[in-house]
């Protein structure tokens, strides 16, 4: 069954919960967690995933710009971290598909 982002966050929270630790950091971390389900050998679904990832990155980058400008240090690059809950033998195909979908979205013919 497909999971929602909120269900995924609850699952992650249960996995990282420790009653002796403050929960504020975990809750902030969970806001950076997003769930996407799909057949990632399908170009259309990969293109959709690229769109979702890009939208989240823009939100995070803009939030960092506001926070950093208040601290006097503007970020010069995007910081990315992805976790794919798939068997490792699929990583190369998925990353290649994401690269191709990103190039297509950017209007490039290079993949």
PDB file of N, CA and C in Angstrom:
ATOM      1  N   UNK A   1       0.843  -1.183   0.000  1.00  0.00           N
ATOM      2  CA  UNK A   1       0.000   0.000   0.000  1.00  0.00           C
ATOM      3  C   UNK A   1       0.886   1.243   0.000  1.00  0.00           C
ATOM      4  N   UNK A   2       0.482   2.236  -0.764  1.00  0.00           N
ATOM      5  CA  UNK A   2       1.240   3.474  -0.846  1.00  0.00           C
ATOM      6  C   UNK A   2       1.102   4.260   0.459  1.00  0.00           C
ATOM      7  N   UNK A   3       2.174   4.888   0.856  1.00  0.00           N
ATOM      8  CA  UNK A   3       2.241   5.643   2.097  1.00  0.00           C
ATOM      9  C   UNK A   3       2.187   7.136   1.774  1.00  0.00           C
ATOM     10  N   UNK A   4       1.623   7.921   2.669  1.00  0.00           N
ATOM     11  CA  UNK A   4       1.665   9.371   2.505  1.00  0.00           C
ATOM     12  C   UNK A   4       2.942   9.895   3.170  1.00  0.00           C
ATOM     13  N   UNK A   5       3.291  11.130   2.871  1.00  0.00           N
ATOM     14  CA  UNK A   5       4.457  11.729   3.522  1.00  0.00           C
ATOM     15  C   UNK A   5       4.256  11.761   5.030  1.00  0.00           C
ATOM     16  N   UNK A   6       3.056  12.079   5.480  1.00  0.00           N
ATOM     17  CA  UNK A   6       2.793  12.143   6.923  1.00  0.00           C
ATOM     18  C   UNK A   6       2.945  10.765   7.568  1.00  0.00           C
ATOM     19  N   UNK A   7       2.452   9.715   6.921  1.00  0.00           N
ATOM     20  CA  UNK A   7       2.621   8.358   7.446  1.00  0.00           C
ATOM     21  C   UNK A   7       4.102   7.984   7.488  1.00  0.00           C
ATOM     22  N   UNK A   8       4.830   8.366   6.445  1.00  0.00           N
ATOM     23  CA  UNK A   8       6.264   8.101   6.396  1.00  0.00           C
ATOM     24  C   UNK A   8       6.976   8.811   7.549  1.00  0.00           C
ATOM     25  N   UNK A   9       6.629  10.065   7.784  1.00  0.00           N
ATOM     26  CA  UNK A   9       7.253  10.818   8.874  1.00  0.00           C
ATOM     27  C   UNK A   9       6.967  10.173  10.227  1.00  0.00           C
ATOM     28  N   UNK A  10       5.751   9.692  10.425  1.00  0.00           N
ATOM     29  CA  UNK A  10       5.420   9.013  11.684  1.00  0.00           C
ATOM     30  C   UNK A  10       6.251   7.749  11.841  1.00  0.00           C
ATOM     31  N   UNK A  11       6.431   7.022  10.748  1.00  0.00           N
ATOM     32  CA  UNK A  11       7.251   5.809  10.783  1.00  0.00           C
ATOM     33  C   UNK A  11       8.699   6.155  11.140  1.00  0.00           C
ATOM     34  N   UNK A  12       9.254   7.165  10.483  1.00  0.00           N
ATOM     35  CA  UNK A  12      10.630   7.583  10.762  1.00  0.00           C
ATOM     36  C   UNK A  12      10.751   8.043  12.212  1.00  0.00           C
ATOM     37  N   UNK A  13       9.785   8.816  12.690  1.00  0.00           N
ATOM     38  CA  UNK A  13       9.823   9.299  14.069  1.00  0.00           C
ATOM     39  C   UNK A  13       9.883   8.128  15.046  1.00  0.00           C
ATOM     40  N   UNK A  14       9.057   7.111  14.813  1.00  0.00           N
ATOM     41  CA  UNK A  14       9.078   5.934  15.695  1.00  0.00           C
ATOM     42  C   UNK A  14      10.444   5.257  15.661  1.00  0.00           C
ATOM     43  N   UNK A  15      11.080   5.250  14.496  1.00  0.00           N
ATOM     44  CA  UNK A  15      12.388   4.600  14.366  1.00  0.00           C
ATOM     45  C   UNK A  15      13.499   5.378  15.066  1.00  0.00           C
ATOM     46  N   UNK A  16      13.392   6.697  15.115  1.00  0.00           N
ATOM     47  CA  UNK A  16      14.462   7.502  15.707  1.00  0.00           C
ATOM     48  C   UNK A  16      14.098   8.054  17.084  1.00  0.00           C
ATOM     49  N   UNK A  17      12.929   7.697  17.591  1.00  0.00           N
ATOM     50  CA  UNK A  17      12.469   8.225  18.878  1.00  0.00           C
ATOM     51  C   UNK A  17      13.340   7.711  20.014  1.00  0.00           C
ATOM     52  N   UNK A  18      13.697   8.606  20.889  1.00  0.00           N
ATOM     53  CA  UNK A  18      14.412   8.255  22.105  1.00  0.00           C
ATOM     54  C   UNK A  18      13.857   9.168  23.198  1.00  0.00           C
ATOM     55  N   UNK A  19      13.181   8.601  24.198  1.00  0.00           N
ATOM     56  CA  UNK A  19      12.526   9.436  25.205  1.00  0.00           C
ATOM     57  C   UNK A  19      13.495  10.274  26.035  1.00  0.00           C
ATOM     58  N   UNK A  20      14.779   9.922  26.042  1.00  0.00           N
ATOM     59  CA  UNK A  20      15.743  10.688  26.833  1.00  0.00           C
ATOM     60  C   UNK A  20      16.323  11.872  26.063  1.00  0.00           C
ATOM     61  N   UNK A  21      15.998  11.991  24.791  1.00  0.00           N
ATOM     62  CA  UNK A  21      16.515  13.076  23.958  1.00  0.00           C
ATOM     63  C   UNK A  21      15.412  14.093  23.672  1.00  0.00           C
ATOM     64  N   UNK A  22      15.780  15.375  23.545  1.00  0.00           N
ATOM     65  CA  UNK A  22      14.773  16.380  23.164  1.00  0.00           C
ATOM     66  C   UNK A  22      14.199  16.058  21.782  1.00  0.00           C
ATOM     67  N   UNK A  23      12.919  16.266  21.613  1.00  0.00           N
ATOM     68  CA  UNK A  23      12.260  15.889  20.362  1.00  0.00           C
ATOM     69  C   UNK A  23      12.241  17.006  19.324  1.00  0.00           C
ATOM     70  N   UNK A  24      12.605  18.218  19.698  1.00  0.00           N
ATOM     71  CA  UNK A  24      12.545  19.352  18.773  1.00  0.00           C
ATOM     72  C   UNK A  24      13.378  19.108  17.522  1.00  0.00           C
ATOM     73  N   UNK A  25      14.625  18.636  17.699  1.00  0.00           N
ATOM     74  CA  UNK A  25      15.491  18.397  16.539  1.00  0.00           C
ATOM     75  C   UNK A  25      14.909  17.326  15.627  1.00  0.00           C
ATOM     76  N   UNK A  26      14.355  16.287  16.206  1.00  0.00           N
ATOM     77  CA  UNK A  26      13.766  15.219  15.397  1.00  0.00           C
ATOM     78  C   UNK A  26      12.574  15.746  14.598  1.00  0.00           C
ATOM     79  N   UNK A  27      11.762  16.552  15.234  1.00  0.00           N
ATOM     80  CA  UNK A  27      10.595  17.104  14.542  1.00  0.00           C
ATOM     81  C   UNK A  27      11.023  18.029  13.406  1.00  0.00           C
ATOM     82  N   UNK A  28      12.088  18.806  13.613  1.00  0.00           N
ATOM     83  CA  UNK A  28      12.612  19.651  12.537  1.00  0.00           C
ATOM     84  C   UNK A  28      13.151  18.788  11.397  1.00  0.00           C
ATOM     85  N   UNK A  29      13.860  17.714  11.753  1.00  0.00           N
ATOM     86  CA  UNK A  29      14.390  16.797  10.742  1.00  0.00           C
ATOM     87  C   UNK A  29      13.258  16.187   9.921  1.00  0.00           C
ATOM     88  N   UNK A  30      12.196  15.799  10.588  1.00  0.00           N
ATOM     89  CA  UNK A  30      11.079  15.159   9.892  1.00  0.00           C
ATOM     90  C   UNK A  30      10.445  16.073   8.854  1.00  0.00           C
ATOM     91  N   UNK A  31      10.499  17.380   9.074  1.00  0.00           N
ATOM     92  CA  UNK A  31       9.944  18.308   8.086  1.00  0.00           C
ATOM     93  C   UNK A  31      10.754  18.299   6.790  1.00  0.00           C
ATOM     94  N   UNK A  32      11.970  17.775   6.853  1.00  0.00           N
ATOM     95  CA  UNK A  32      12.812  17.652   5.650  1.00  0.00           C
ATOM     96  C   UNK A  32      12.605  16.312   4.956  1.00  0.00           C
ATOM     97  N   UNK A  33      11.818  15.429   5.559  1.00  0.00           N
ATOM     98  CA  UNK A  33      11.587  14.093   4.998  1.00  0.00           C
ATOM     99  C   UNK A  33      10.317  14.091   4.157  1.00  0.00           C
ATOM    100  N   UNK A  34      10.432  13.532   2.973  1.00  0.00           N
ATOM    101  CA  UNK A  34       9.297  13.444   2.051  1.00  0.00           C
ATOM    102  C   UNK A  34       9.280  12.053   1.445  1.00  0.00           C
ATOM    103  N   UNK A  35       8.099  11.581   1.149  1.00  0.00           N
ATOM    104  CA  UNK A  35       7.929  10.227   0.625  1.00  0.00           C
ATOM    105  C   UNK A  35       7.405  10.282  -0.798  1.00  0.00           C
ATOM    106  N   UNK A  36       8.028   9.486  -1.651  1.00  0.00           N
ATOM    107  CA  UNK A  36       7.556   9.351  -3.033  1.00  0.00           C
ATOM    108  C   UNK A  36       7.579   7.876  -3.391  1.00  0.00           C
ATOM    109  N   UNK A  37       6.491   7.404  -3.916  1.00  0.00           N
ATOM    110  CA  UNK A  37       6.367   6.008  -4.313  1.00  0.00           C
ATOM    111  C   UNK A  37       6.178   5.967  -5.820  1.00  0.00           C
ATOM    112  N   UNK A  38       6.772   4.987  -6.447  1.00  0.00           N
ATOM    113  CA  UNK A  38       6.557   4.889  -7.884  1.00  0.00           C
ATOM    114  C   UNK A  38       7.400   3.812  -8.526  1.00  0.00           C
ATOM    115  N   UNK A  39       7.158   3.623  -9.791  1.00  0.00           N
ATOM    116  CA  UNK A  39       7.961   2.729 -10.612  1.00  0.00           C
ATOM    117  C   UNK A  39       9.040   3.593 -11.246  1.00  0.00           C
ATOM    118  N   UNK A  40      10.215   3.556 -10.690  1.00  0.00           N
ATOM    119  CA  UNK A  40      11.228   4.498 -11.109  1.00  0.00           C
ATOM    120  C   UNK A  40      12.046   4.028 -12.303  1.00  0.00           C
ATOM    121  N   UNK A  41      11.484   3.089 -13.048  1.00  0.00           N
ATOM    122  CA  UNK A  41      12.012   2.779 -14.381  1.00  0.00           C
ATOM    123  C   UNK A  41      11.072   3.374 -15.435  1.00  0.00           C
ATOM    124  N   UNK A  42      10.102   4.150 -14.976  1.00  0.00           N
ATOM    125  CA  UNK A  42       9.125   4.818 -15.836  1.00  0.00           C
ATOM    126  C   UNK A  42       9.515   6.291 -15.956  1.00  0.00           C
ATOM    127  N   UNK A  43       9.807   6.740 -17.181  1.00  0.00           N
ATOM    128  CA  UNK A  43      10.291   8.105 -17.395  1.00  0.00           C
ATOM    129  C   UNK A  43       9.323   9.154 -16.839  1.00  0.00           C
ATOM    130  N   UNK A  44       8.027   8.965 -17.021  1.00  0.00           N
ATOM    131  CA  UNK A  44       7.046   9.946 -16.541  1.00  0.00           C
ATOM    132  C   UNK A  44       7.081  10.053 -15.017  1.00  0.00           C
ATOM    133  N   UNK A  45       7.208   8.918 -14.329  1.00  0.00           N
ATOM    134  CA  UNK A  45       7.261   8.958 -12.868  1.00  0.00           C
ATOM    135  C   UNK A  45       8.574   9.565 -12.381  1.00  0.00           C
ATOM    136  N   UNK A  46       9.669   9.307 -13.103  1.00  0.00           N
ATOM    137  CA  UNK A  46      10.940   9.936 -12.746  1.00  0.00           C
ATOM    138  C   UNK A  46      10.871  11.444 -12.954  1.00  0.00           C
ATOM    139  N   UNK A  47      10.246  11.865 -14.040  1.00  0.00           N
ATOM    140  CA  UNK A  47      10.095  13.302 -14.298  1.00  0.00           C
ATOM    141  C   UNK A  47       9.266  13.947 -13.187  1.00  0.00           C
ATOM    142  N   UNK A  48       8.217  13.266 -12.732  1.00  0.00           N
ATOM    143  CA  UNK A  48       7.409  13.770 -11.625  1.00  0.00           C
ATOM    144  C   UNK A  48       8.243  13.851 -10.348  1.00  0.00           C
ATOM    145  N   UNK A  49       9.056  12.831 -10.092  1.00  0.00           N
ATOM    146  CA  UNK A  49       9.911  12.836  -8.907  1.00  0.00           C
ATOM    147  C   UNK A  49      10.894  14.004  -8.964  1.00  0.00           C
ATOM    148  N   UNK A  50      11.467  14.262 -10.132  1.00  0.00           N
ATOM    149  CA  UNK A  50      12.380  15.402 -10.287  1.00  0.00           C
ATOM    150  C   UNK A  50      11.650  16.703  -9.954  1.00  0.00           C
ATOM    151  N   UNK A  51      10.420  16.851 -10.430  1.00  0.00           N
ATOM    152  CA  UNK A  51       9.637  18.055 -10.126  1.00  0.00           C
ATOM    153  C   UNK A  51       9.393  18.204  -8.626  1.00  0.00           C
ATOM    154  N   UNK A  52       9.039  17.104  -7.973  1.00  0.00           N
ATOM    155  CA  UNK A  52       8.789  17.123  -6.530  1.00  0.00           C
ATOM    156  C   UNK A  52      10.074  17.483  -5.779  1.00  0.00           C
ATOM    157  N   UNK A  53      11.188  16.851  -6.167  1.00  0.00           N
ATOM    158  CA  UNK A  53      12.467  17.130  -5.515  1.00  0.00           C
ATOM    159  C   UNK A  53      12.871  18.590  -5.716  1.00  0.00           C
ATOM    160  N   UNK A  54      12.695  19.095  -6.926  1.00  0.00           N
ATOM    161  CA  UNK A  54      13.062  20.481  -7.209  1.00  0.00           C
ATOM    162  C   UNK A  54      12.236  21.449  -6.359  1.00  0.00           C
ATOM    163  N   UNK A  55      10.947  21.206  -6.265  1.00  0.00           N
ATOM    164  CA  UNK A  55      10.082  22.084  -5.471  1.00  0.00           C
ATOM    165  C   UNK A  55      10.522  22.094  -4.006  1.00  0.00           C
ATOM    166  N   UNK A  56      10.851  20.925  -3.460  1.00  0.00           N
ATOM    167  CA  UNK A  56      11.304  20.853  -2.069  1.00  0.00           C
ATOM    168  C   UNK A  56      12.649  21.549  -1.890  1.00  0.00           C
ATOM    169  N   UNK A  57      13.542  21.386  -2.872  1.00  0.00           N
ATOM    170  CA  UNK A  57      14.848  22.043  -2.786  1.00  0.00           C
ATOM    171  C   UNK A  57      14.708  23.563  -2.811  1.00  0.00           C
ATOM    172  N   UNK A  58      13.823  24.069  -3.645  1.00  0.00           N
ATOM    173  CA  UNK A  58      13.608  25.519  -3.701  1.00  0.00           C
ATOM    174  C   UNK A  58      13.119  26.022  -2.340  1.00  0.00           C
ATOM    175  N   UNK A  59      12.172  25.311  -1.749  1.00  0.00           N
ATOM    176  CA  UNK A  59      11.668  25.709  -0.432  1.00  0.00           C
ATOM    177  C   UNK A  59      12.783  25.703   0.610  1.00  0.00           C
ATOM    178  N   UNK A  60      13.584  24.627   0.626  1.00  0.00           N
ATOM    179  CA  UNK A  60      14.676  24.530   1.603  1.00  0.00           C
ATOM    180  C   UNK A  60      15.721  25.607   1.374  1.00  0.00           C
ATOM    181  N   UNK A  61      16.092  25.827   0.105  1.00  0.00           N
ATOM    182  CA  UNK A  61      17.113  26.824  -0.206  1.00  0.00           C
ATOM    183  C   UNK A  61      16.638  28.218   0.201  1.00  0.00           C
ATOM    184  N   UNK A  62      15.391  28.540  -0.109  1.00  0.00           N
ATOM    185  CA  UNK A  62      14.848  29.849   0.272  1.00  0.00           C
ATOM    186  C   UNK A  62      14.814  30.017   1.790  1.00  0.00           C
ATOM    187  N   UNK A  63      14.469  28.960   2.500  1.00  0.00           N
ATOM    188  CA  UNK A  63      14.465  29.015   3.963  1.00  0.00           C
ATOM    189  C   UNK A  63      15.885  29.224   4.488  1.00  0.00           C
ATOM    190  N   UNK A  64      16.851  28.553   3.874  1.00  0.00           N
ATOM    191  CA  UNK A  64      18.253  28.744   4.274  1.00  0.00           C
ATOM    192  C   UNK A  64      18.712  30.162   3.983  1.00  0.00           C
ATOM    193  N   UNK A  65      18.255  30.737   2.865  1.00  0.00           N
ATOM    194  CA  UNK A  65      18.641  32.108   2.518  1.00  0.00           C
ATOM    195  C   UNK A  65      18.167  33.075   3.601  1.00  0.00           C
ATOM    196  N   UNK A  66      16.938  32.907   4.053  1.00  0.00           N
ATOM    197  CA  UNK A  66      16.387  33.790   5.083  1.00  0.00           C
ATOM    198  C   UNK A  66      17.168  33.621   6.380  1.00  0.00           C
ATOM    199  N   UNK A  67      17.347  32.380   6.806  1.00  0.00           N
ATOM    200  CA  UNK A  67      18.065  32.106   8.048  1.00  0.00           C
ATOM    201  C   UNK A  67      19.502  32.589   7.963  1.00  0.00           C
ATOM    202  N   UNK A  68      20.163  32.309   6.847  1.00  0.00           N
ATOM    203  CA  UNK A  68      21.565  32.685   6.690  1.00  0.00           C
ATOM    204  C   UNK A  68      21.745  34.188   6.596  1.00  0.00           C
ATOM    205  N   UNK A  69      20.827  34.866   5.923  1.00  0.00           N
ATOM    206  CA  UNK A  69      20.962  36.320   5.803  1.00  0.00           C
ATOM    207  C   UNK A  69      20.825  36.980   7.173  1.00  0.00           C
ATOM    208  N   UNK A  70      20.008  36.390   8.034  1.00  0.00           N
ATOM    209  CA  UNK A  70      19.889  36.914   9.394  1.00  0.00           C
ATOM    210  C   UNK A  70      21.190  36.716  10.162  1.00  0.00           C
ATOM    211  N   UNK A  71      21.895  35.619   9.844  1.00  0.00           N
ATOM    212  CA  UNK A  71      23.167  35.327  10.512  1.00  0.00           C
ATOM    213  C   UNK A  71      24.341  35.986   9.795  1.00  0.00           C
ATOM    214  N   UNK A  72      24.093  36.608   8.633  1.00  0.00           N
ATOM    215  CA  UNK A  72      25.150  37.300   7.903  1.00  0.00           C
ATOM    216  C   UNK A  72      25.942  36.436   6.951  1.00  0.00           C
ATOM    217  N   UNK A  73      25.456  35.264   6.610  1.00  0.00           N
ATOM    218  CA  UNK A  73      26.184  34.352   5.727  1.00  0.00           C
ATOM    219  C   UNK A  73      25.210  33.732   4.729  1.00  0.00           C
ATOM    220  N   UNK A  74      25.279  34.149   3.477  1.00  0.00           N
ATOM    221  CA  UNK A  74      24.367  33.666   2.439  1.00  0.00           C
ATOM    222  C   UNK A  74      24.907  32.356   1.862  1.00  0.00           C
ATOM    223  N   UNK A  75      24.089  31.296   1.798  1.00  0.00           N
ATOM    224  CA  UNK A  75      24.562  30.029   1.224  1.00  0.00           C
ATOM    225  C   UNK A  75      24.821  30.184  -0.271  1.00  0.00           C
ATOM    226  N   UNK A  76      25.913  29.587  -0.732  1.00  0.00           N
ATOM    227  CA  UNK A  76      26.261  29.699  -2.150  1.00  0.00           C
ATOM    228  C   UNK A  76      25.870  28.461  -2.940  1.00  0.00           C
ATOM    229  N   UNK A  77      25.513  27.400  -2.265  1.00  0.00           N
ATOM    230  CA  UNK A  77      25.136  26.184  -2.983  1.00  0.00           C
ATOM    231  C   UNK A  77      24.057  25.426  -2.228  1.00  0.00           C
ATOM    232  N   UNK A  78      23.407  24.549  -2.946  1.00  0.00           N
ATOM    233  CA  UNK A  78      22.357  23.713  -2.371  1.00  0.00           C
ATOM    234  C   UNK A  78      23.002  22.499  -1.710  1.00  0.00           C
ATOM    235  N   UNK A  79      22.485  22.103  -0.571  1.00  0.00           N
ATOM    236  CA  UNK A  79      22.953  20.906   0.110  1.00  0.00           C
ATOM    237  C   UNK A  79      21.886  19.843  -0.091  1.00  0.00           C
ATOM    238  N   UNK A  80      22.300  18.709  -0.621  1.00  0.00           N
ATOM    239  CA  UNK A  80      21.327  17.657  -0.928  1.00  0.00           C
ATOM    240  C   UNK A  80      21.671  16.375  -0.181  1.00  0.00           C
ATOM    241  N   UNK A  81      20.619  15.670   0.213  1.00  0.00           N
ATOM    242  CA  UNK A  81      20.781  14.337   0.756  1.00  0.00           C
ATOM    243  C   UNK A  81      19.516  13.566   0.401  1.00  0.00           C
ATOM    244  N   UNK A  82      19.712  12.402  -0.184  1.00  0.00           N
ATOM    245  CA  UNK A  82      18.579  11.569  -0.571  1.00  0.00           C
ATOM    246  C   UNK A  82      18.779  10.175  -0.010  1.00  0.00           C
ATOM    247  N   UNK A  83      17.699   9.541   0.336  1.00  0.00           N
ATOM    248  CA  UNK A  83      17.718   8.149   0.754  1.00  0.00           C
ATOM    249  C   UNK A  83      16.720   7.411  -0.116  1.00  0.00           C
ATOM    250  N   UNK A  84      17.184   6.355  -0.745  1.00  0.00           N
ATOM    251  CA  UNK A  84      16.286   5.553  -1.575  1.00  0.00           C
ATOM    252  C   UNK A  84      16.071   4.210  -0.890  1.00  0.00           C
ATOM    253  N   UNK A  85      14.841   3.944  -0.514  1.00  0.00           N
ATOM    254  CA  UNK A  85      14.498   2.689   0.146  1.00  0.00           C
ATOM    255  C   UNK A  85      14.190   1.641  -0.916  1.00  0.00           C
ATOM    256  N   UNK A  86      15.223   1.318  -1.670  1.00  0.00           N
ATOM    257  CA  UNK A  86      15.124   0.312  -2.724  1.00  0.00           C
ATOM    258  C   UNK A  86      16.365  -0.566  -2.626  1.00  0.00           C
ATOM    259  N   UNK A  87      16.321  -1.753  -3.215  1.00  0.00           N
ATOM    260  CA  UNK A  87      17.523  -2.590  -3.206  1.00  0.00           C
ATOM    261  C   UNK A  87      18.691  -1.865  -3.890  1.00  0.00           C
ATOM    262  N   UNK A  88      19.892  -1.979  -3.332  1.00  0.00           N
ATOM    263  CA  UNK A  88      21.051  -1.265  -3.877  1.00  0.00           C
ATOM    264  C   UNK A  88      21.312  -1.502  -5.364  1.00  0.00           C
ATOM    265  N   UNK A  89      20.955  -2.662  -5.890  1.00  0.00           N
ATOM    266  CA  UNK A  89      21.226  -2.909  -7.307  1.00  0.00           C
ATOM    267  C   UNK A  89      20.398  -2.000  -8.216  1.00  0.00           C
ATOM    268  N   UNK A  90      19.382  -1.330  -7.672  1.00  0.00           N
ATOM    269  CA  UNK A  90      18.562  -0.407  -8.458  1.00  0.00           C
ATOM    270  C   UNK A  90      19.087   1.029  -8.443  1.00  0.00           C
ATOM    271  N   UNK A  91      20.016   1.350  -7.530  1.00  0.00           N
ATOM    272  CA  UNK A  91      20.496   2.729  -7.393  1.00  0.00           C
ATOM    273  C   UNK A  91      20.988   3.311  -8.712  1.00  0.00           C
ATOM    274  N   UNK A  92      21.847   2.592  -9.411  1.00  0.00           N
ATOM    275  CA  UNK A  92      22.443   3.124 -10.645  1.00  0.00           C
ATOM    276  C   UNK A  92      21.369   3.437 -11.684  1.00  0.00           C
ATOM    277  N   UNK A  93      20.418   2.531 -11.858  1.00  0.00           N
ATOM    278  CA  UNK A  93      19.346   2.769 -12.834  1.00  0.00           C
ATOM    279  C   UNK A  93      18.482   3.965 -12.435  1.00  0.00           C
ATOM    280  N   UNK A  94      18.146   4.056 -11.157  1.00  0.00           N
ATOM    281  CA  UNK A  94      17.311   5.166 -10.695  1.00  0.00           C
ATOM    282  C   UNK A  94      18.061   6.489 -10.836  1.00  0.00           C
ATOM    283  N   UNK A  95      19.315   6.515 -10.409  1.00  0.00           N
ATOM    284  CA  UNK A  95      20.095   7.762 -10.517  1.00  0.00           C
ATOM    285  C   UNK A  95      20.292   8.157 -11.976  1.00  0.00           C
ATOM    286  N   UNK A  96      20.530   7.180 -12.846  1.00  0.00           N
ATOM    287  CA  UNK A  96      20.641   7.479 -14.277  1.00  0.00           C
ATOM    288  C   UNK A  96      19.339   8.030 -14.830  1.00  0.00           C
ATOM    289  N   UNK A  97      18.230   7.447 -14.404  1.00  0.00           N
ATOM    290  CA  UNK A  97      16.921   7.930 -14.844  1.00  0.00           C
ATOM    291  C   UNK A  97      16.630   9.331 -14.330  1.00  0.00           C
ATOM    292  N   UNK A  98      17.012   9.602 -13.079  1.00  0.00           N
ATOM    293  CA  UNK A  98      16.831  10.949 -12.524  1.00  0.00           C
ATOM    294  C   UNK A  98      17.689  11.963 -13.275  1.00  0.00           C
ATOM    295  N   UNK A  99      18.905  11.556 -13.602  1.00  0.00           N
ATOM    296  CA  UNK A  99      19.790  12.456 -14.356  1.00  0.00           C
ATOM    297  C   UNK A  99      19.184  12.778 -15.720  1.00  0.00           C
ATOM    298  N   UNK A 100      18.692  11.757 -16.403  1.00  0.00           N
ATOM    299  CA  UNK A 100      18.081  11.972 -17.720  1.00  0.00           C
ATOM    300  C   UNK A 100      16.827  12.843 -17.599  1.00  0.00           C
ATOM    301  N   UNK A 101      16.012  12.580 -16.573  1.00  0.00           N
ATOM    302  CA  UNK A 101      14.790  13.372 -16.379  1.00  0.00           C
ATOM    303  C   UNK A 101      15.134  14.817 -16.039  1.00  0.00           C
ATOM    304  N   UNK A 102      16.187  15.024 -15.269  1.00  0.00           N
ATOM    305  CA  UNK A 102      16.622  16.378 -14.927  1.00  0.00           C
ATOM    306  C   UNK A 102      17.114  17.107 -16.164  1.00  0.00           C
ATOM    307  N   UNK A 103      17.894  16.408 -16.998  1.00  0.00           N
ATOM    308  CA  UNK A 103      18.403  17.016 -18.233  1.00  0.00           C
ATOM    309  C   UNK A 103      17.245  17.384 -19.154  1.00  0.00           C
ATOM    310  N   UNK A 104      16.255  16.511 -19.247  1.00  0.00           N
ATOM    311  CA  UNK A 104      15.085  16.781 -20.083  1.00  0.00           C
ATOM    312  C   UNK A 104      14.322  17.989 -19.548  1.00  0.00           C
ATOM    313  N   UNK A 105      14.146  18.042 -18.228  1.00  0.00           N
ATOM    314  CA  UNK A 105      13.423  19.163 -17.612  1.00  0.00           C
ATOM    315  C   UNK A 105      14.162  20.480 -17.829  1.00  0.00           C
ATOM    316  N   UNK A 106      15.494  20.403 -17.889  1.00  0.00           N
ATOM    317  CA  UNK A 106      16.297  21.618 -18.079  1.00  0.00           C
ATOM    318  C   UNK A 106      16.420  21.985 -19.553  1.00  0.00           C
ATOM    319  N   UNK A 107      15.898  21.126 -20.436  1.00  0.00           N
ATOM    320  CA  UNK A 107      15.952  21.405 -21.865  1.00  0.00           C
ATOM    321  C   UNK A 107      17.243  20.966 -22.516  1.00  0.00           C
ATOM    322  N   UNK A 108      18.006  20.157 -21.811  1.00  0.00           N
ATOM    323  CA  UNK A 108      19.281  19.676 -22.337  1.00  0.00           C
ATOM    324  C   UNK A 108      19.078  18.340 -23.031  1.00  0.00           C
ATOM    325  N   UNK A 109      19.908  18.050 -24.016  1.00  0.00           N
ATOM    326  CA  UNK A 109      19.852  16.738 -24.663  1.00  0.00           C
ATOM    327  C   UNK A 109      20.925  15.827 -24.104  1.00  0.00           C
ATOM    328  N   UNK A 110      21.826  16.364 -23.289  1.00  0.00           N
ATOM    329  CA  UNK A 110      22.878  15.549 -22.684  1.00  0.00           C
ATOM    330  C   UNK A 110      22.308  14.824 -21.484  1.00  0.00           C
ATOM    331  N   UNK A 111      22.692  13.572 -21.339  1.00  0.00           N
ATOM    332  CA  UNK A 111      22.235  12.802 -20.187  1.00  0.00           C
ATOM    333  C   UNK A 111      23.395  12.123 -19.524  1.00  0.00           C
TER     334      UNK A 111
END
